[in-house]
C-alpha atoms as a PDB file:
ATOM      1  CA  MET A   1     -30.076 130.787 -27.989  1.00  0.00           C
ATOM      2  CA  TYR A   2     -28.615 127.540 -26.722  1.00  0.00           C
ATOM      3  CA  VAL A   3     -31.344 125.014 -27.422  1.00  0.00           C
ATOM      4  CA  VAL A   4     -31.682 121.546 -25.934  1.00  0.00           C
ATOM      5  CA  ARG A   5     -34.325 118.919 -26.586  1.00  0.00           C
ATOM      6  CA  LEU A   6     -35.549 117.205 -23.444  1.00  0.00           C
ATOM      7  CA  PRO A   7     -38.187 114.721 -22.422  1.00  0.00           C
ATOM      8  CA  ARG A   8     -40.326 116.161 -19.589  1.00  0.00           C
ATOM      9  CA  ARG A   9     -39.260 119.630 -20.633  1.00  0.00           C
ATOM     10  CA  ASP A  10     -41.893 121.501 -18.638  1.00  0.00           C
ATOM     11  CA  SER A  11     -40.814 119.887 -15.348  1.00  0.00           C
ATOM     12  CA  ILE A  12     -37.198 120.705 -16.085  1.00  0.00           C
ATOM     13  CA  LEU A  13     -38.102 124.274 -17.062  1.00  0.00           C
ATOM     14  CA  ARG A  14     -39.890 124.782 -13.716  1.00  0.00           C
ATOM     15  CA  ARG A  15     -36.894 123.482 -11.794  1.00  0.00           C
ATOM     16  CA  LEU A  16     -34.459 125.681 -13.719  1.00  0.00           C
ATOM     17  CA  ARG A  17     -36.589 128.764 -13.161  1.00  0.00           C
ATOM     18  CA  ASP A  18     -36.892 127.906  -9.457  1.00  0.00           C
ATOM     19  CA  ALA A  19     -33.080 127.861  -9.391  1.00  0.00           C
ATOM     20  CA  GLY A  20     -33.026 131.376 -10.866  1.00  0.00           C
ATOM     21  CA  ILE A  21     -32.009 130.310 -14.370  1.00  0.00           C
ATOM     22  CA  GLY A  22     -33.631 132.234 -17.216  1.00  0.00           C
ATOM     23  CA  ALA A  23     -34.516 129.272 -19.409  1.00  0.00           C
ATOM     24  CA  ALA A  24     -37.275 129.901 -21.948  1.00  0.00           C
ATOM     25  CA  LEU A  25     -39.568 128.445 -24.571  1.00  0.00           C
ATOM     26  CA  HIS A  26     -39.225 130.175 -27.912  1.00  0.00           C
ATOM     27  CA  TYR A  27     -41.640 128.133 -30.005  1.00  0.00           C
ATOM     28  CA  PRO A  28     -44.205 126.516 -27.675  1.00  0.00           C
ATOM     29  CA  LEU A  29     -46.554 126.254 -30.664  1.00  0.00           C
ATOM     30  CA  PRO A  30     -45.096 124.971 -33.937  1.00  0.00           C
ATOM     31  CA  ILE A  31     -44.969 127.594 -36.650  1.00  0.00           C
ATOM     32  CA  HIS A  32     -47.446 125.831 -38.940  1.00  0.00           C
ATOM     33  CA  LEU A  33     -50.097 126.005 -36.187  1.00  0.00           C
ATOM     34  CA  GLN A  34     -49.606 129.681 -35.360  1.00  0.00           C
ATOM     35  CA  ALA A  35     -52.305 132.179 -36.292  1.00  0.00           C
ATOM     36  CA  ALA A  36     -50.114 133.906 -38.902  1.00  0.00           C
ATOM     37  CA  PHE A  37     -50.115 130.706 -40.969  1.00  0.00           C
ATOM     38  CA  LYS A  38     -53.751 129.723 -40.500  1.00  0.00           C
ATOM     39  CA  HIS A  39     -54.458 130.595 -44.148  1.00  0.00           C
ATOM     40  CA  LEU A  40     -52.255 127.626 -45.176  1.00  0.00           C
ATOM     41  CA  HIS A  41     -54.755 125.231 -43.529  1.00  0.00           C
ATOM     42  CA  TYR A  42     -52.177 123.064 -41.818  1.00  0.00           C
ATOM     43  CA  GLN A  43     -53.434 120.897 -38.971  1.00  0.00           C
ATOM     44  CA  ARG A  44     -51.937 119.104 -36.015  1.00  0.00           C
ATOM     45  CA  GLY A  45     -50.226 116.007 -37.384  1.00  0.00           C
ATOM     46  CA  ASP A  46     -49.080 117.592 -40.656  1.00  0.00           C
ATOM     47  CA  PHE A  47     -45.550 118.167 -39.314  1.00  0.00           C
ATOM     48  CA  PRO A  48     -45.029 115.631 -36.503  1.00  0.00           C
ATOM     49  CA  VAL A  49     -41.315 116.325 -36.050  1.00  0.00           C
ATOM     50  CA  ALA A  50     -41.912 120.063 -35.586  1.00  0.00           C
ATOM     51  CA  GLU A  51     -44.787 119.314 -33.214  1.00  0.00           C
ATOM     52  CA  ALA A  52     -42.652 116.970 -31.115  1.00  0.00           C
ATOM     53  CA  ALA A  53     -39.844 119.537 -31.010  1.00  0.00           C
ATOM     54  CA  SER A  54     -42.246 122.259 -29.854  1.00  0.00           C
ATOM     55  CA  GLU A  55     -43.108 120.058 -26.861  1.00  0.00           C
ATOM     56  CA  GLN A  56     -39.497 119.193 -26.008  1.00  0.00           C
ATOM     57  CA  VAL A  57     -37.279 122.153 -26.913  1.00  0.00           C
ATOM     58  CA  LEU A  58     -35.950 124.481 -24.243  1.00  0.00           C
ATOM     59  CA  SER A  59     -33.592 127.456 -24.602  1.00  0.00           C
ATOM     60  CA  LEU A  60     -30.850 127.849 -22.023  1.00  0.00           C
ATOM     61  CA  PRO A  61     -29.307 131.236 -21.272  1.00  0.00           C
ATOM     62  CA  ILE A  62     -26.345 132.226 -23.379  1.00  0.00           C
ATOM     63  CA  PHE A  63     -25.032 135.723 -23.924  1.00  0.00           C
ATOM     64  CA  PRO A  64     -21.633 137.371 -24.448  1.00  0.00           C
ATOM     65  CA  GLU A  65     -21.201 138.341 -20.788  1.00  0.00           C
ATOM     66  CA  ILE A  66     -22.032 134.933 -19.279  1.00  0.00           C
ATOM     67  CA  THR A  67     -19.258 133.940 -16.896  1.00  0.00           C
ATOM     68  CA  VAL A  68     -17.670 130.535 -16.566  1.00  0.00           C
ATOM     69  CA  GLU A  69     -19.201 130.300 -13.083  1.00  0.00           C
ATOM     70  CA  GLN A  70     -22.680 131.014 -14.496  1.00  0.00           C
ATOM     71  CA  GLN A  71     -22.166 128.388 -17.190  1.00  0.00           C
ATOM     72  CA  ILE A  72     -21.138 125.837 -14.574  1.00  0.00           C
ATOM     73  CA  TYR A  73     -24.194 126.728 -12.484  1.00  0.00           C
ATOM     74  CA  VAL A  74     -26.561 126.306 -15.456  1.00  0.00           C
ATOM     75  CA  VAL A  75     -25.027 122.953 -16.364  1.00  0.00           C
ATOM     76  CA  SER A  76     -25.084 121.667 -12.779  1.00  0.00           C
ATOM     77  CA  GLU A  77     -28.716 122.724 -12.279  1.00  0.00           C
ATOM     78  CA  LEU A  78     -29.694 121.200 -15.607  1.00  0.00           C
ATOM     79  CA  LYS A  79     -28.029 117.927 -14.632  1.00  0.00           C
ATOM     80  CA  ARG A  80     -29.707 118.057 -11.208  1.00  0.00           C
ATOM     81  CA  SER A  81     -33.078 118.695 -12.853  1.00  0.00           C
ATOM     82  CA  LEU A  82     -32.565 115.839 -15.307  1.00  0.00           C
ATOM     83  CA  SER A  83     -31.770 113.527 -12.422  1.00  0.00           C
ATOM     84  CA  LYS A  84     -34.753 114.698 -10.323  1.00  0.00           C
ATOM     85  CA  VAL A  85     -37.271 114.073 -13.094  1.00  0.00           C
ATOM     86  CA  GLY A  86     -35.709 110.712 -13.945  1.00  0.00           C
ATOM     87  CA  VAL A  87     -34.246 111.604 -17.323  1.00  0.00           C
ATOM     88  CA  TYR A  88     -30.762 110.631 -16.243  1.00  0.00           C
ATOM     89  CA  GLU A  89     -29.326 108.819 -13.280  1.00  0.00           C
ATOM     90  CA  ARG A  90     -26.487 110.255 -11.271  1.00  0.00           C
ATOM     91  CA  GLY A  91     -23.271 108.513 -12.111  1.00  0.00           C
ATOM     92  CA  GLU A  92     -24.258 107.867 -15.711  1.00  0.00           C
ATOM     93  CA  ARG A  93     -21.731 109.170 -18.151  1.00  0.00           C
ATOM     94  CA  ARG A  94     -24.262 110.727 -20.493  1.00  0.00           C
ATOM     95  CA  PRO A  95     -27.873 111.852 -20.026  1.00  0.00           C
ATOM     96  CA  LYS A  96     -30.570 110.263 -22.162  1.00  0.00           C
ATOM     97  CA  VAL A  97     -31.101 113.511 -24.033  1.00  0.00           C
ATOM     98  CA  ARG A  98     -30.704 114.244 -27.721  1.00  0.00           C
ATOM     99  CA  GLY A  99     -29.049 117.294 -29.172  1.00  0.00           C
ATOM    100  CA  THR A 100     -27.408 118.719 -26.096  1.00  0.00           C
ATOM    101  CA  GLY A 101     -23.922 119.889 -25.379  1.00  0.00           C
ATOM    102  CA  LEU A 102     -24.229 119.723 -21.617  1.00  0.00           C
ATOM    103  CA  GLN A 103     -20.551 120.242 -20.980  1.00  0.00           C
ATOM    104  CA  LEU A 104     -19.710 123.882 -21.536  1.00  0.00           C
ATOM    105  CA  ARG A 105     -15.976 124.287 -21.492  1.00  0.00           C
ATOM    106  CA  HIS A 106     -14.051 127.518 -21.154  1.00  0.00           C
ATOM    107  CA  LYS A 107     -10.746 127.734 -23.031  1.00  0.00           C
ATOM    108  CA  SER A 108      -8.902 127.868 -19.671  1.00  0.00           C
ATOM    109  CA  ALA A 109     -10.676 124.804 -18.250  1.00  0.00           C
ATOM    110  CA  PRO A 110      -8.565 121.646 -18.009  1.00  0.00           C
ATOM    111  CA  ARG A 111      -9.447 118.863 -20.440  1.00  0.00           C
END
């Protein structure tokens, strides 16, 4: 998994899927609120960081056979989606997003 944390994640996820990118949500419900842990009696608000992450985290496709061209496409569509939903303005050097490595670089790509 290549996980990024984004504001307005659901809008970005829709746009990525519309572009044919297999982005996914792996933990849409924080673990402490899942049925398997109900016996621990945790409630919403007990783990606010985990709850916030479950609303903002998105997994981008990554697998051994992903090509450089596919990586570039994912990054460009992610940037386009960020711009469309107002998370980052075109021309800005860096998106207003925490925990991302938006620039995937192949060993043969120029620096």
